[in-house]
Amino acid sequence: MDEALALLEPLQEEDFPLSYLHTILGQAYLRRGLFKNADAAFRRAIERDDDNAEAHDGLGVALRRQGLYEDAVYEHTRAATLHHHRAQSHLNLGIALAMSQQFDWAIRAFSVAAELAPENPLPHRWLTKLYRRVKKDNDKAREHVRIWIQLRKQLLAKNRK
């Protein structure tokens, strides 16, 4: 990651018209835990292309990691609107909604993420937590924990191959 940042950071000073460079730089900053740097990189990407769903989603993650949950909800919603079939945006939206205590909307976002990426166990993990802790619906929680465990086992088996 350090090598990638060393290559990418000087390029951001260039008058680079494409937002993709800044999006990649933002992703690298996120992975390093440099959330304010990621925030700035994603904002530069959005300045160049306001329809860059990945940049809006990345900005939402950076904002969420800085504790700005409502702002994160806005950016993830924008990303999901721009590219509805991107499951990761709905997953990130669900997390931001849960963090901002908008639990019913979070459940909906996680449900959409689960529909769009039926092999991903993470939406079910979050749905388990919300149904158990917030909704006090143990039947729904058990249903999602069963799916979560099954998908997790499948994913682990696939990764061993």
Protein backbone atom coordinates (compact mmCIF):
# COMPACT_ATOMS: atom_id res chain seq x y z
CA MET A 1 0.00 0.00 0.00
CA ASP A 2 2.89 2.35 0.75
CA GLU A 3 4.29 1.78 -2.75
CA ALA A 4 0.90 2.47 -4.31
CA LEU A 5 0.56 5.70 -2.36
CA ALA A 6 4.09 6.73 -3.34
CA LEU A 7 3.12 6.32 -7.01
CA LEU A 8 -0.34 7.88 -6.78
CA GLU A 9 0.18 10.86 -4.47
CA PRO A 10 2.40 12.87 -6.89
CA LEU A 11 -0.18 12.39 -9.65
CA GLN A 12 -2.87 14.19 -7.66
CA GLU A 13 -0.94 17.45 -8.10
CA GLU A 14 -1.25 17.13 -11.88
CA ASP A 15 -4.25 18.59 -13.64
CA PHE A 16 -5.60 15.09 -14.12
CA PRO A 17 -9.11 15.32 -15.59
CA LEU A 18 -10.28 11.79 -14.73
CA SER A 19 -11.86 11.15 -11.38
CA TYR A 20 -10.75 7.52 -11.34
CA LEU A 21 -7.20 8.35 -10.18
CA HIS A 22 -8.55 10.19 -7.16
CA THR A 23 -10.97 7.34 -6.44
CA ILE A 24 -8.12 4.82 -6.39
CA LEU A 25 -6.07 7.12 -4.18
CA GLY A 26 -9.05 7.45 -1.83
CA GLN A 27 -9.37 3.67 -1.65
CA ALA A 28 -5.67 3.37 -0.79
CA TYR A 29 -6.06 5.96 1.97
CA LEU A 30 -9.07 4.08 3.35
CA ARG A 31 -7.04 0.88 3.55
CA ARG A 32 -4.31 2.72 5.44
CA GLY A 33 -6.83 4.24 7.85
CA LEU A 34 -6.11 7.78 6.64
CA PHE A 35 -9.74 8.85 6.60
CA LYS A 36 -9.26 12.61 6.20
CA ASN A 37 -6.93 12.02 3.25
CA ALA A 38 -9.45 9.59 1.77
CA ASP A 39 -12.19 12.17 2.27
CA ALA A 40 -10.18 14.78 0.32
CA ALA A 41 -9.29 12.35 -2.50
CA PHE A 42 -12.90 11.24 -2.98
CA ARG A 43 -14.07 14.86 -2.97
CA ARG A 44 -11.56 15.63 -5.75
CA ALA A 45 -12.91 12.66 -7.70
CA ILE A 46 -16.47 13.92 -7.27
CA GLU A 47 -15.44 17.44 -8.37
CA ARG A 48 -14.28 15.91 -11.65
CA ASP A 49 -17.25 13.56 -12.03
CA ASP A 50 -20.28 13.97 -9.79
CA ASP A 51 -21.73 10.73 -11.19
CA ASN A 52 -18.84 8.60 -9.88
CA ALA A 53 -20.75 6.13 -7.68
CA GLU A 54 -17.59 4.52 -6.32
CA ALA A 55 -16.23 7.90 -5.20
CA HIS A 56 -19.51 8.77 -3.43
CA ASP A 57 -19.49 5.37 -1.74
CA GLY A 58 -15.84 5.74 -0.71
CA LEU A 59 -16.52 9.22 0.63
CA GLY A 60 -19.37 7.76 2.64
CA VAL A 61 -17.00 5.21 4.20
CA ALA A 62 -14.46 7.94 5.02
CA LEU A 63 -17.17 10.10 6.59
CA ARG A 64 -18.57 7.18 8.58
CA ARG A 65 -15.13 6.32 9.89
CA GLN A 66 -14.86 9.94 11.06
CA GLY A 67 -18.17 9.63 12.93
CA LEU A 68 -20.16 11.73 10.44
CA TYR A 69 -22.98 9.23 10.02
CA GLU A 70 -25.65 11.47 8.49
CA ASP A 71 -23.21 12.75 5.88
CA ALA A 72 -22.19 9.16 5.19
CA VAL A 73 -25.83 8.18 4.68
CA TYR A 74 -26.17 10.94 2.08
CA GLU A 75 -23.08 9.82 0.13
CA HIS A 76 -24.01 6.11 0.23
CA THR A 77 -27.54 6.96 -0.88
CA ARG A 78 -26.11 8.97 -3.78
CA ALA A 79 -23.86 6.02 -4.71
CA ALA A 80 -26.76 3.54 -4.56
CA THR A 81 -28.89 5.87 -6.66
CA LEU A 82 -26.19 6.24 -9.31
CA HIS A 83 -25.43 2.51 -9.48
CA HIS A 84 -28.33 0.63 -7.93
CA HIS A 85 -26.95 -2.84 -8.67
CA ARG A 86 -23.72 -2.28 -6.68
CA ALA A 87 -24.33 -4.39 -3.56
CA GLN A 88 -21.41 -2.83 -1.67
CA SER A 89 -23.09 0.59 -1.76
CA HIS A 90 -26.24 -0.84 -0.17
CA LEU A 91 -24.17 -2.66 2.45
CA ASN A 92 -22.29 0.55 3.28
CA LEU A 93 -25.57 2.47 3.34
CA GLY A 94 -27.01 -0.06 5.78
CA ILE A 95 -24.01 0.32 8.09
CA ALA A 96 -24.26 4.12 8.03
CA LEU A 97 -28.01 3.96 8.66
CA ALA A 98 -27.51 1.57 11.58
CA MET A 99 -24.83 3.85 13.03
CA SER A 100 -27.23 6.79 12.75
CA GLN A 101 -29.94 4.66 14.44
CA GLN A 102 -32.23 4.56 11.41
CA PHE A 103 -32.80 0.86 11.94
CA ASP A 104 -35.79 0.22 9.66
CA TRP A 105 -34.00 1.84 6.74
CA ALA A 106 -30.83 -0.07 7.62
CA ILE A 107 -32.74 -3.35 7.47
CA ARG A 108 -34.04 -2.40 4.04
CA ALA A 109 -30.55 -1.50 2.77
CA PHE A 110 -29.09 -4.77 4.08
CA SER A 111 -31.95 -6.70 2.50
CA VAL A 112 -31.24 -5.09 -0.88
CA ALA A 113 -27.51 -5.87 -0.48
CA ALA A 114 -28.40 -9.50 0.28
CA GLU A 115 -30.60 -9.69 -2.82
CA LEU A 116 -27.92 -8.17 -5.06
CA ALA A 117 -25.08 -10.32 -3.68
CA PRO A 118 -26.70 -13.56 -2.46
CA GLU A 119 -23.28 -15.14 -1.81
CA ASN A 120 -22.17 -12.38 0.59
CA PRO A 121 -22.63 -13.28 4.28
CA LEU A 122 -22.15 -9.73 5.62
CA PRO A 123 -25.68 -8.38 5.03
CA HIS A 124 -27.04 -11.36 6.96
CA ARG A 125 -24.60 -10.76 9.80
CA TRP A 126 -25.91 -7.21 10.13
CA LEU A 127 -29.53 -8.33 9.77
CA THR A 128 -28.95 -10.86 12.56
CA LYS A 129 -27.68 -8.08 14.86
CA LEU A 130 -30.52 -5.70 14.05
CA TYR A 131 -33.29 -8.27 14.39
CA ARG A 132 -31.84 -9.60 17.64
CA ARG A 133 -30.78 -6.38 19.40
CA VAL A 134 -33.12 -3.74 18.00
CA LYS A 135 -36.25 -5.46 16.77
CA LYS A 136 -36.19 -8.24 19.40
CA ASP A 137 -37.36 -10.63 16.67
CA ASN A 138 -35.53 -13.85 17.53
CA ASP A 139 -37.15 -15.82 14.68
CA LYS A 140 -35.85 -13.40 12.05
CA ALA A 141 -32.48 -13.24 13.82
CA ARG A 142 -32.20 -17.05 13.76
CA GLU A 143 -33.14 -17.12 10.09
CA HIS A 144 -30.37 -14.67 9.19
CA VAL A 145 -27.76 -16.23 11.47
CA ARG A 146 -28.42 -19.58 9.75
CA ILE A 147 -27.94 -17.99 6.32
CA TRP A 148 -24.89 -16.06 7.52
CA ILE A 149 -23.19 -19.20 8.87
CA GLN A 150 -24.02 -21.20 5.72
CA LEU A 151 -22.66 -18.50 3.41
CA ARG A 152 -19.59 -18.01 5.55
CA LYS A 153 -18.81 -21.75 5.39
CA GLN A 154 -19.25 -21.70 1.60
CA LEU A 155 -16.95 -18.70 1.31
CA LEU A 156 -14.27 -20.30 3.49
CA ALA A 157 -14.46 -23.56 1.50
CA LYS A 158 -14.18 -21.61 -1.76
CA ASN A 159 -11.14 -19.69 -0.47
CA ARG A 160 -9.38 -22.94 0.50
CA LYS A 161 -9.47 -24.21 -3.09
